[in-house]
N, C-alpha and C. Protein backbone atom coordinates (compact mmCIF):
# COMPACT_ATOMS: atom_id res chain seq x y z
N MET A 1 -2.78 4.39 14.96
CA MET A 1 -2.34 4.80 16.28
C MET A 1 -2.93 6.14 16.66
N GLN A 2 -3.96 6.53 16.04
CA GLN A 2 -4.55 7.85 16.29
C GLN A 2 -5.11 7.94 17.70
N GLY A 3 -4.34 8.51 18.58
CA GLY A 3 -4.79 8.75 19.93
C GLY A 3 -4.66 7.59 20.89
N GLU A 4 -4.18 6.46 20.46
CA GLU A 4 -4.04 5.34 21.39
C GLU A 4 -2.57 5.16 21.76
N PRO A 5 -2.30 4.62 22.92
CA PRO A 5 -0.90 4.43 23.34
C PRO A 5 -0.18 3.44 22.42
N SER A 6 1.10 3.65 22.26
CA SER A 6 1.88 2.79 21.37
C SER A 6 1.93 1.35 21.86
N SER A 7 1.84 1.16 23.18
CA SER A 7 1.86 -0.21 23.69
C SER A 7 0.62 -0.99 23.26
N GLU A 8 -0.52 -0.29 23.18
CA GLU A 8 -1.74 -0.95 22.74
C GLU A 8 -1.67 -1.27 21.24
N ALA A 9 -1.14 -0.34 20.48
CA ALA A 9 -1.00 -0.58 19.04
C ALA A 9 -0.03 -1.72 18.79
N LEU A 10 1.04 -1.78 19.56
CA LEU A 10 2.02 -2.85 19.41
C LEU A 10 1.44 -4.19 19.84
N ALA A 11 0.51 -4.17 20.78
CA ALA A 11 -0.11 -5.42 21.24
C ALA A 11 -0.94 -6.06 20.13
N ARG A 12 -1.49 -5.23 19.22
CA ARG A 12 -2.27 -5.76 18.11
C ARG A 12 -1.39 -6.22 16.95
N LEU A 13 -0.14 -5.84 16.94
CA LEU A 13 0.75 -6.14 15.81
C LEU A 13 0.84 -7.63 15.47
N PRO A 14 1.05 -8.53 16.42
CA PRO A 14 1.17 -9.95 16.04
C PRO A 14 -0.08 -10.49 15.34
N ALA A 15 -1.25 -10.09 15.83
CA ALA A 15 -2.49 -10.60 15.23
C ALA A 15 -2.75 -9.98 13.86
N GLU A 16 -2.55 -8.68 13.74
CA GLU A 16 -2.84 -7.99 12.48
C GLU A 16 -1.85 -8.34 11.38
N ALA A 17 -0.59 -8.44 11.74
CA ALA A 17 0.44 -8.69 10.74
C ALA A 17 0.69 -10.18 10.53
N GLY A 18 0.15 -11.01 11.40
CA GLY A 18 0.39 -12.45 11.28
C GLY A 18 1.81 -12.82 11.63
N LEU A 19 2.40 -12.10 12.58
CA LEU A 19 3.78 -12.37 13.00
C LEU A 19 3.80 -12.87 14.43
N PRO A 20 3.82 -14.15 14.64
CA PRO A 20 3.87 -14.64 16.03
C PRO A 20 5.19 -14.29 16.71
N GLU A 21 6.24 -13.99 15.93
CA GLU A 21 7.52 -13.61 16.52
C GLU A 21 7.44 -12.24 17.19
N ALA A 22 6.46 -11.42 16.81
CA ALA A 22 6.33 -10.09 17.38
C ALA A 22 5.61 -10.11 18.72
N ASP A 23 5.06 -11.23 19.11
CA ASP A 23 4.32 -11.32 20.37
C ASP A 23 5.21 -11.03 21.58
N PRO A 24 6.42 -11.60 21.70
CA PRO A 24 7.26 -11.25 22.86
C PRO A 24 7.61 -9.76 22.89
N LEU A 25 7.80 -9.15 21.73
CA LEU A 25 8.09 -7.72 21.68
C LEU A 25 6.91 -6.93 22.23
N ALA A 26 5.71 -7.27 21.79
CA ALA A 26 4.52 -6.56 22.25
C ALA A 26 4.32 -6.75 23.74
N GLN A 27 4.54 -7.95 24.24
CA GLN A 27 4.39 -8.19 25.68
C GLN A 27 5.41 -7.41 26.49
N THR A 28 6.64 -7.33 25.98
CA THR A 28 7.69 -6.61 26.70
C THR A 28 7.38 -5.13 26.77
N VAL A 29 6.96 -4.55 25.65
CA VAL A 29 6.63 -3.12 25.65
C VAL A 29 5.41 -2.84 26.51
N ARG A 30 4.40 -3.71 26.44
CA ARG A 30 3.21 -3.52 27.26
C ARG A 30 3.54 -3.61 28.75
N ALA A 31 4.38 -4.58 29.13
CA ALA A 31 4.76 -4.71 30.55
C ALA A 31 5.54 -3.49 31.01
N GLY A 32 6.43 -3.01 30.18
CA GLY A 32 7.20 -1.83 30.55
C GLY A 32 6.33 -0.60 30.68
N ALA A 33 5.35 -0.45 29.79
CA ALA A 33 4.47 0.71 29.84
C ALA A 33 3.54 0.64 31.05
N SER A 34 3.06 -0.53 31.38
CA SER A 34 2.13 -0.63 32.51
C SER A 34 2.84 -0.50 33.85
N GLN A 35 4.08 -0.94 33.93
CA GLN A 35 4.81 -0.88 35.18
C GLN A 35 5.65 0.38 35.30
N GLY A 36 5.78 1.10 34.22
CA GLY A 36 6.58 2.32 34.25
C GLY A 36 8.07 2.05 34.30
N ALA A 37 8.46 0.87 33.94
CA ALA A 37 9.88 0.49 33.99
C ALA A 37 10.51 0.73 32.61
N PRO A 38 11.81 0.99 32.60
CA PRO A 38 12.48 1.14 31.30
C PRO A 38 12.53 -0.21 30.60
N VAL A 39 12.26 -0.18 29.33
CA VAL A 39 12.18 -1.43 28.58
C VAL A 39 13.47 -1.75 27.82
N THR A 40 14.46 -0.90 27.92
CA THR A 40 15.67 -1.12 27.12
C THR A 40 16.37 -2.42 27.49
N GLN A 41 16.48 -2.70 28.79
CA GLN A 41 17.14 -3.94 29.21
C GLN A 41 16.33 -5.16 28.76
N ALA A 42 15.02 -5.06 28.91
CA ALA A 42 14.17 -6.18 28.51
C ALA A 42 14.25 -6.39 27.00
N LEU A 43 14.29 -5.31 26.24
CA LEU A 43 14.39 -5.43 24.79
C LEU A 43 15.74 -5.99 24.37
N ARG A 44 16.79 -5.60 25.06
CA ARG A 44 18.12 -6.17 24.76
C ARG A 44 18.14 -7.67 25.03
N ALA A 45 17.57 -8.07 26.16
CA ALA A 45 17.51 -9.51 26.48
C ALA A 45 16.65 -10.25 25.46
N LEU A 46 15.55 -9.65 25.05
CA LEU A 46 14.70 -10.26 24.04
C LEU A 46 15.44 -10.39 22.71
N GLY A 47 16.20 -9.35 22.35
CA GLY A 47 17.00 -9.40 21.13
C GLY A 47 18.03 -10.51 21.17
N ARG A 48 18.71 -10.66 22.31
CA ARG A 48 19.69 -11.75 22.45
C ARG A 48 19.03 -13.10 22.31
N THR A 49 17.86 -13.25 22.94
CA THR A 49 17.14 -14.52 22.87
C THR A 49 16.72 -14.84 21.44
N LEU A 50 16.20 -13.84 20.74
CA LEU A 50 15.77 -14.06 19.36
C LEU A 50 16.95 -14.35 18.44
N ARG A 51 18.08 -13.67 18.65
CA ARG A 51 19.27 -13.96 17.84
C ARG A 51 19.77 -15.37 18.08
N GLU A 52 19.77 -15.79 19.33
CA GLU A 52 20.24 -17.14 19.65
C GLU A 52 19.30 -18.19 19.05
N ARG A 53 18.00 -17.94 19.13
CA ARG A 53 17.03 -18.87 18.54
C ARG A 53 17.23 -18.96 17.03
N ARG A 54 17.45 -17.82 16.39
CA ARG A 54 17.67 -17.80 14.94
C ARG A 54 18.97 -18.54 14.58
N ARG A 55 20.01 -18.35 15.39
CA ARG A 55 21.27 -19.03 15.15
C ARG A 55 21.10 -20.54 15.25
N LEU A 56 20.36 -20.99 16.27
CA LEU A 56 20.13 -22.41 16.43
C LEU A 56 19.29 -22.98 15.28
N ASP A 57 18.33 -22.20 14.80
CA ASP A 57 17.54 -22.64 13.65
C ASP A 57 18.43 -22.79 12.41
N LEU A 58 19.36 -21.86 12.22
CA LEU A 58 20.26 -21.93 11.08
C LEU A 58 21.20 -23.13 11.18
N VAL A 59 21.69 -23.40 12.38
CA VAL A 59 22.57 -24.56 12.56
C VAL A 59 21.81 -25.84 12.27
N GLU A 60 20.57 -25.92 12.75
CA GLU A 60 19.75 -27.11 12.51
C GLU A 60 19.46 -27.28 11.01
N ALA A 61 19.16 -26.18 10.33
CA ALA A 61 18.91 -26.25 8.89
C ALA A 61 20.16 -26.68 8.14
N GLY A 62 21.32 -26.22 8.58
CA GLY A 62 22.58 -26.63 7.97
C GLY A 62 22.84 -28.11 8.15
N GLU A 63 22.53 -28.64 9.31
CA GLU A 63 22.73 -30.07 9.54
C GLU A 63 21.79 -30.90 8.68
N ARG A 64 20.54 -30.44 8.53
CA ARG A 64 19.59 -31.16 7.67
C ARG A 64 20.05 -31.12 6.21
N ALA A 65 20.57 -29.98 5.78
CA ALA A 65 21.03 -29.86 4.39
C ALA A 65 22.23 -30.75 4.15
N GLN A 66 23.08 -30.87 5.14
CA GLN A 66 24.26 -31.73 5.01
C GLN A 66 23.84 -33.19 4.79
N VAL A 67 22.84 -33.64 5.51
CA VAL A 67 22.36 -35.01 5.34
C VAL A 67 21.72 -35.19 3.97
N ARG A 68 20.96 -34.17 3.52
CA ARG A 68 20.32 -34.26 2.21
C ARG A 68 21.33 -34.25 1.07
N MET A 69 22.49 -33.69 1.28
CA MET A 69 23.51 -33.65 0.22
C MET A 69 24.21 -34.98 0.03
N LEU A 70 24.11 -35.86 1.00
CA LEU A 70 24.78 -37.15 0.89
C LEU A 70 24.18 -38.02 -0.21
N LEU A 71 22.89 -37.93 -0.42
CA LEU A 71 22.23 -38.75 -1.43
C LEU A 71 22.73 -38.45 -2.85
N PRO A 72 22.76 -37.20 -3.30
CA PRO A 72 23.30 -36.97 -4.64
C PRO A 72 24.78 -37.35 -4.76
N ILE A 73 25.53 -37.15 -3.72
CA ILE A 73 26.94 -37.52 -3.77
C ILE A 73 27.07 -39.03 -3.92
N GLY A 74 26.30 -39.76 -3.15
CA GLY A 74 26.38 -41.21 -3.21
C GLY A 74 25.87 -41.78 -4.52
N LEU A 75 24.84 -41.18 -5.09
CA LEU A 75 24.24 -41.73 -6.30
C LEU A 75 24.88 -41.24 -7.59
N LEU A 76 25.43 -40.07 -7.60
CA LEU A 76 25.93 -39.50 -8.85
C LEU A 76 27.44 -39.35 -8.91
N ILE A 77 28.01 -38.81 -7.88
CA ILE A 77 29.43 -38.47 -7.95
C ILE A 77 30.32 -39.68 -7.69
N LEU A 78 30.03 -40.45 -6.67
CA LEU A 78 30.90 -41.59 -6.35
C LEU A 78 30.94 -42.65 -7.44
N PRO A 79 29.83 -43.03 -8.05
CA PRO A 79 29.93 -44.01 -9.15
C PRO A 79 30.78 -43.48 -10.31
N ALA A 80 30.64 -42.22 -10.66
CA ALA A 80 31.45 -41.66 -11.74
C ALA A 80 32.93 -41.66 -11.34
N PHE A 81 33.20 -41.38 -10.11
CA PHE A 81 34.58 -41.38 -9.63
C PHE A 81 35.18 -42.79 -9.73
N PHE A 82 34.42 -43.80 -9.34
CA PHE A 82 34.93 -45.17 -9.43
C PHE A 82 35.10 -45.62 -10.88
N VAL A 83 34.22 -45.19 -11.77
CA VAL A 83 34.37 -45.53 -13.18
C VAL A 83 35.66 -44.92 -13.72
N LEU A 84 35.92 -43.70 -13.35
CA LEU A 84 37.15 -43.05 -13.83
C LEU A 84 38.40 -43.72 -13.26
N LEU A 85 38.29 -44.26 -12.08
CA LEU A 85 39.45 -44.95 -11.49
C LEU A 85 39.59 -46.37 -12.01
N LEU A 86 38.47 -47.07 -12.16
CA LEU A 86 38.53 -48.48 -12.54
C LEU A 86 38.67 -48.71 -14.04
N TYR A 87 38.23 -47.78 -14.86
CA TYR A 87 38.31 -47.96 -16.30
C TYR A 87 39.76 -48.13 -16.78
N PRO A 88 40.69 -47.26 -16.39
CA PRO A 88 42.07 -47.47 -16.83
C PRO A 88 42.66 -48.79 -16.33
N ALA A 89 42.31 -49.19 -15.14
CA ALA A 89 42.82 -50.46 -14.61
C ALA A 89 42.24 -51.62 -15.41
N ALA A 90 40.96 -51.55 -15.77
CA ALA A 90 40.35 -52.62 -16.55
C ALA A 90 40.97 -52.70 -17.95
N VAL A 91 41.27 -51.57 -18.54
CA VAL A 91 41.89 -51.56 -19.86
C VAL A 91 43.28 -52.20 -19.78
N GLN A 92 44.02 -51.91 -18.77
CA GLN A 92 45.36 -52.50 -18.60
C GLN A 92 45.27 -54.00 -18.40
N LEU A 93 44.30 -54.45 -17.61
CA LEU A 93 44.14 -55.88 -17.40
C LEU A 93 43.73 -56.60 -18.67
N LEU A 94 42.88 -55.99 -19.48
CA LEU A 94 42.47 -56.60 -20.75
C LEU A 94 43.65 -56.66 -21.73
N ARG A 95 44.51 -55.70 -21.69
CA ARG A 95 45.69 -55.72 -22.57
C ARG A 95 46.64 -56.85 -22.16
N LEU A 96 46.77 -57.04 -20.85
CA LEU A 96 47.68 -58.08 -20.36
C LEU A 96 47.14 -59.48 -20.64
N THR A 97 45.84 -59.65 -20.52
CA THR A 97 45.26 -61.00 -20.71
C THR A 97 44.71 -61.21 -22.10
N GLY A 98 44.79 -60.21 -22.95
CA GLY A 98 44.22 -60.28 -24.30
C GLY A 98 45.07 -61.12 -25.23
N PRO A 99 44.60 -61.29 -26.49
CA PRO A 99 45.28 -62.14 -27.48
C PRO A 99 46.57 -61.61 -27.96
């Protein structure tokens, strides 16, 4: 940033750091600097938007994980549960019908 405006340095941030999420931040600061407008409101709105997007991503990931958890439950836990329930009943039936 030696001698260059911070808005220009921030504009290079997404490309140099490989952060596409930083692009809206750089655009907001650049627009505020070029228009002479305060950027605090724009940054607050950008923060709300990014938080909401992150929240929705987390909810979606949670829903996907919930579906993925059904397979181990169905294949491992439920059969063991039925064996534990049916084994005592089978033993009782064999005692009743046995010799």
